[in-house]
Amino acid sequence: MTPDTFPPYRALFFRRHALRQMARLHLTDNDIDELLGRGGILEQYPDGTGCLVAGTLRGRTLHAVMARPGKGSEAVVIAVFEPAAGQENAPEAGA
C-alpha cells in the first residue's frame, strides 16, 4: 500500500524547535520541502490537523511532524528527526 503524500501548500513555516533540529541535522528549508514532496504520511493525528511524514533524502530516512492549521494553505513544521533503528517505515518513493 502506498502512503498518502502530504497535501500541497503555499507557505511553509517552521517552529523554533524544528529549526534547531534542522541545524543539528544539517538540513535546509529546501530539504524539508523536498522531503514533504517525496515522502508519505505514516500517521494522521486524531485531531485531523497534524501528521507524521516519513521519507528518504540523500540516503537518510527522516521524519517530520507537520501541522495544517485551519483550512488554509499553510503548513507548519513542528519537528524533524532521524527515527531510531527499526522505526523508519519510510516510503520507498524518493529513495
C-alpha atoms as a PDB file:
ATOM      1  CA  MET A   1       0.000   0.000   0.000  1.00  0.00           C
ATOM      2  CA  THR A   2       1.369   3.399  -0.985  1.00  0.00           C
ATOM      3  CA  PRO A   3       1.165   6.033   1.757  1.00  0.00           C
ATOM      4  CA  ASP A   4      -0.661   9.283   1.105  1.00  0.00           C
ATOM      5  CA  THR A   5       1.508  12.239   0.216  1.00  0.00           C
ATOM      6  CA  PHE A   6       1.480  15.467   2.172  1.00  0.00           C
ATOM      7  CA  PRO A   7      -1.085  17.832   0.612  1.00  0.00           C
ATOM      8  CA  PRO A   8       0.093  20.859  -1.393  1.00  0.00           C
ATOM      9  CA  TYR A   9       0.758  24.104   0.471  1.00  0.00           C
ATOM     10  CA  ARG A  10       1.592  27.676  -0.481  1.00  0.00           C
ATOM     11  CA  ALA A  11       3.548  28.682   2.609  1.00  0.00           C
ATOM     12  CA  LEU A  12       5.807  26.583   4.826  1.00  0.00           C
ATOM     13  CA  PHE A  13       6.571  27.783   8.357  1.00  0.00           C
ATOM     14  CA  PHE A  14       8.991  26.337  10.908  1.00  0.00           C
ATOM     15  CA  ARG A  15       8.679  26.172  14.687  1.00  0.00           C
ATOM     16  CA  ARG A  16      11.823  27.148  16.584  1.00  0.00           C
ATOM     17  CA  HIS A  17      12.257  23.554  17.765  1.00  0.00           C
ATOM     18  CA  ALA A  18      12.223  22.293  14.157  1.00  0.00           C
ATOM     19  CA  LEU A  19      14.804  24.889  13.118  1.00  0.00           C
ATOM     20  CA  ARG A  20      17.150  23.748  15.894  1.00  0.00           C
ATOM     21  CA  GLN A  21      16.727  20.128  14.839  1.00  0.00           C
ATOM     22  CA  MET A  22      17.308  21.012  11.198  1.00  0.00           C
ATOM     23  CA  ALA A  23      20.526  22.849  12.067  1.00  0.00           C
ATOM     24  CA  ARG A  24      21.757  19.851  14.052  1.00  0.00           C
ATOM     25  CA  LEU A  25      20.935  17.551  11.117  1.00  0.00           C
ATOM     26  CA  HIS A  26      22.372  19.988   8.530  1.00  0.00           C
ATOM     27  CA  LEU A  27      19.031  20.335   6.720  1.00  0.00           C
ATOM     28  CA  THR A  28      17.680  23.381   4.904  1.00  0.00           C
ATOM     29  CA  ASP A  29      14.126  24.542   4.329  1.00  0.00           C
ATOM     30  CA  ASN A  30      14.510  23.310   0.739  1.00  0.00           C
ATOM     31  CA  ASP A  31      15.413  19.855   2.093  1.00  0.00           C
ATOM     32  CA  ILE A  32      12.188  19.782   4.120  1.00  0.00           C
ATOM     33  CA  ASP A  33      10.186  20.945   1.116  1.00  0.00           C
ATOM     34  CA  GLU A  34      11.698  18.080  -0.890  1.00  0.00           C
ATOM     35  CA  LEU A  35      11.003  15.594   1.908  1.00  0.00           C
ATOM     36  CA  LEU A  36       7.337  16.636   2.020  1.00  0.00           C
ATOM     37  CA  GLY A  37       7.025  16.309  -1.740  1.00  0.00           C
ATOM     38  CA  ARG A  38       8.646  12.888  -1.935  1.00  0.00           C
ATOM     39  CA  GLY A  39       7.723  11.294   1.383  1.00  0.00           C
ATOM     40  CA  GLY A  40       4.481   9.846   2.629  1.00  0.00           C
ATOM     41  CA  ILE A  41       2.189  10.240   5.604  1.00  0.00           C
ATOM     42  CA  LEU A  42       2.886   7.496   8.155  1.00  0.00           C
ATOM     43  CA  GLU A  43       0.342   8.619  10.701  1.00  0.00           C
ATOM     44  CA  GLN A  44      -2.541  11.065  10.669  1.00  0.00           C
ATOM     45  CA  TYR A  45      -3.139  12.542  14.131  1.00  0.00           C
ATOM     46  CA  PRO A  46      -6.634  12.250  15.646  1.00  0.00           C
ATOM     47  CA  ASP A  47      -7.432  15.970  15.544  1.00  0.00           C
ATOM     48  CA  GLY A  48      -7.040  15.936  11.762  1.00  0.00           C
ATOM     49  CA  THR A  49      -4.695  18.921  11.651  1.00  0.00           C
ATOM     50  CA  GLY A  50      -1.379  17.125  12.044  1.00  0.00           C
ATOM     51  CA  CYS A  51       0.542  14.159  10.731  1.00  0.00           C
ATOM     52  CA  LEU A  52       3.863  12.351  10.708  1.00  0.00           C
ATOM     53  CA  VAL A  53       5.620  12.364   7.331  1.00  0.00           C
ATOM     54  CA  ALA A  54       8.447   9.953   6.510  1.00  0.00           C
ATOM     55  CA  GLY A  55      10.776   9.930   3.559  1.00  0.00           C
ATOM     56  CA  THR A  56      14.298   9.390   2.358  1.00  0.00           C
ATOM     57  CA  LEU A  57      16.501  12.319   1.447  1.00  0.00           C
ATOM     58  CA  ARG A  58      20.004  11.706   0.060  1.00  0.00           C
ATOM     59  CA  GLY A  59      20.016   8.238   1.607  1.00  0.00           C
ATOM     60  CA  ARG A  60      18.835   9.410   5.035  1.00  0.00           C
ATOM     61  CA  THR A  61      15.496   8.408   6.482  1.00  0.00           C
ATOM     62  CA  LEU A  62      13.798  11.405   8.060  1.00  0.00           C
ATOM     63  CA  HIS A  63      10.523  12.061   9.848  1.00  0.00           C
ATOM     64  CA  ALA A  64       8.730  15.400  10.066  1.00  0.00           C
ATOM     65  CA  VAL A  65       5.878  16.220  12.415  1.00  0.00           C
ATOM     66  CA  MET A  66       3.589  18.538  10.476  1.00  0.00           C
ATOM     67  CA  ALA A  67       0.563  20.715  11.208  1.00  0.00           C
ATOM     68  CA  ARG A  68      -2.039  22.189   8.874  1.00  0.00           C
ATOM     69  CA  PRO A  69      -3.795  24.849  10.969  1.00  0.00           C
ATOM     70  CA  GLY A  70      -7.290  25.607   9.812  1.00  0.00           C
ATOM     71  CA  LYS A  71      -8.267  25.064   6.215  1.00  0.00           C
ATOM     72  CA  GLY A  72      -5.683  27.463   4.784  1.00  0.00           C
ATOM     73  CA  SER A  73      -2.788  26.723   2.512  1.00  0.00           C
ATOM     74  CA  GLU A  74      -0.153  26.986   5.245  1.00  0.00           C
ATOM     75  CA  ALA A  75       1.930  24.101   6.573  1.00  0.00           C
ATOM     76  CA  VAL A  76       3.954  24.177   9.790  1.00  0.00           C
ATOM     77  CA  VAL A  77       6.993  22.015  10.528  1.00  0.00           C
ATOM     78  CA  ILE A  78       6.845  21.145  14.231  1.00  0.00           C
ATOM     79  CA  ALA A  79       9.787  18.728  14.467  1.00  0.00           C
ATOM     80  CA  VAL A  80      12.277  16.949  12.201  1.00  0.00           C
ATOM     81  CA  PHE A  81      14.293  13.917  13.231  1.00  0.00           C
ATOM     82  CA  GLU A  82      16.026  10.727  12.165  1.00  0.00           C
ATOM     83  CA  PRO A  83      13.971   7.827  13.515  1.00  0.00           C
ATOM     84  CA  ALA A  84      15.528   5.202  15.772  1.00  0.00           C
ATOM     85  CA  ALA A  85      16.675   1.978  14.130  1.00  0.00           C
ATOM     86  CA  GLY A  86      13.689  -0.211  13.373  1.00  0.00           C
ATOM     87  CA  GLN A  87      11.278   2.746  13.433  1.00  0.00           C
ATOM     88  CA  GLU A  88      11.980   4.072   9.925  1.00  0.00           C
ATOM     89  CA  ASN A  89       8.966   2.848   7.907  1.00  0.00           C
ATOM     90  CA  ALA A  90       9.985   5.315   5.219  1.00  0.00           C
ATOM     91  CA  PRO A  91       8.099   5.066   1.962  1.00  0.00           C
ATOM     92  CA  GLU A  92      10.143   3.838  -0.981  1.00  0.00           C
ATOM     93  CA  ALA A  93       9.364   6.940  -3.034  1.00  0.00           C
ATOM     94  CA  GLY A  94      12.290   9.321  -3.007  1.00  0.00           C
ATOM     95  CA  ALA A  95      14.841   6.679  -2.086  1.00  0.00           C
END
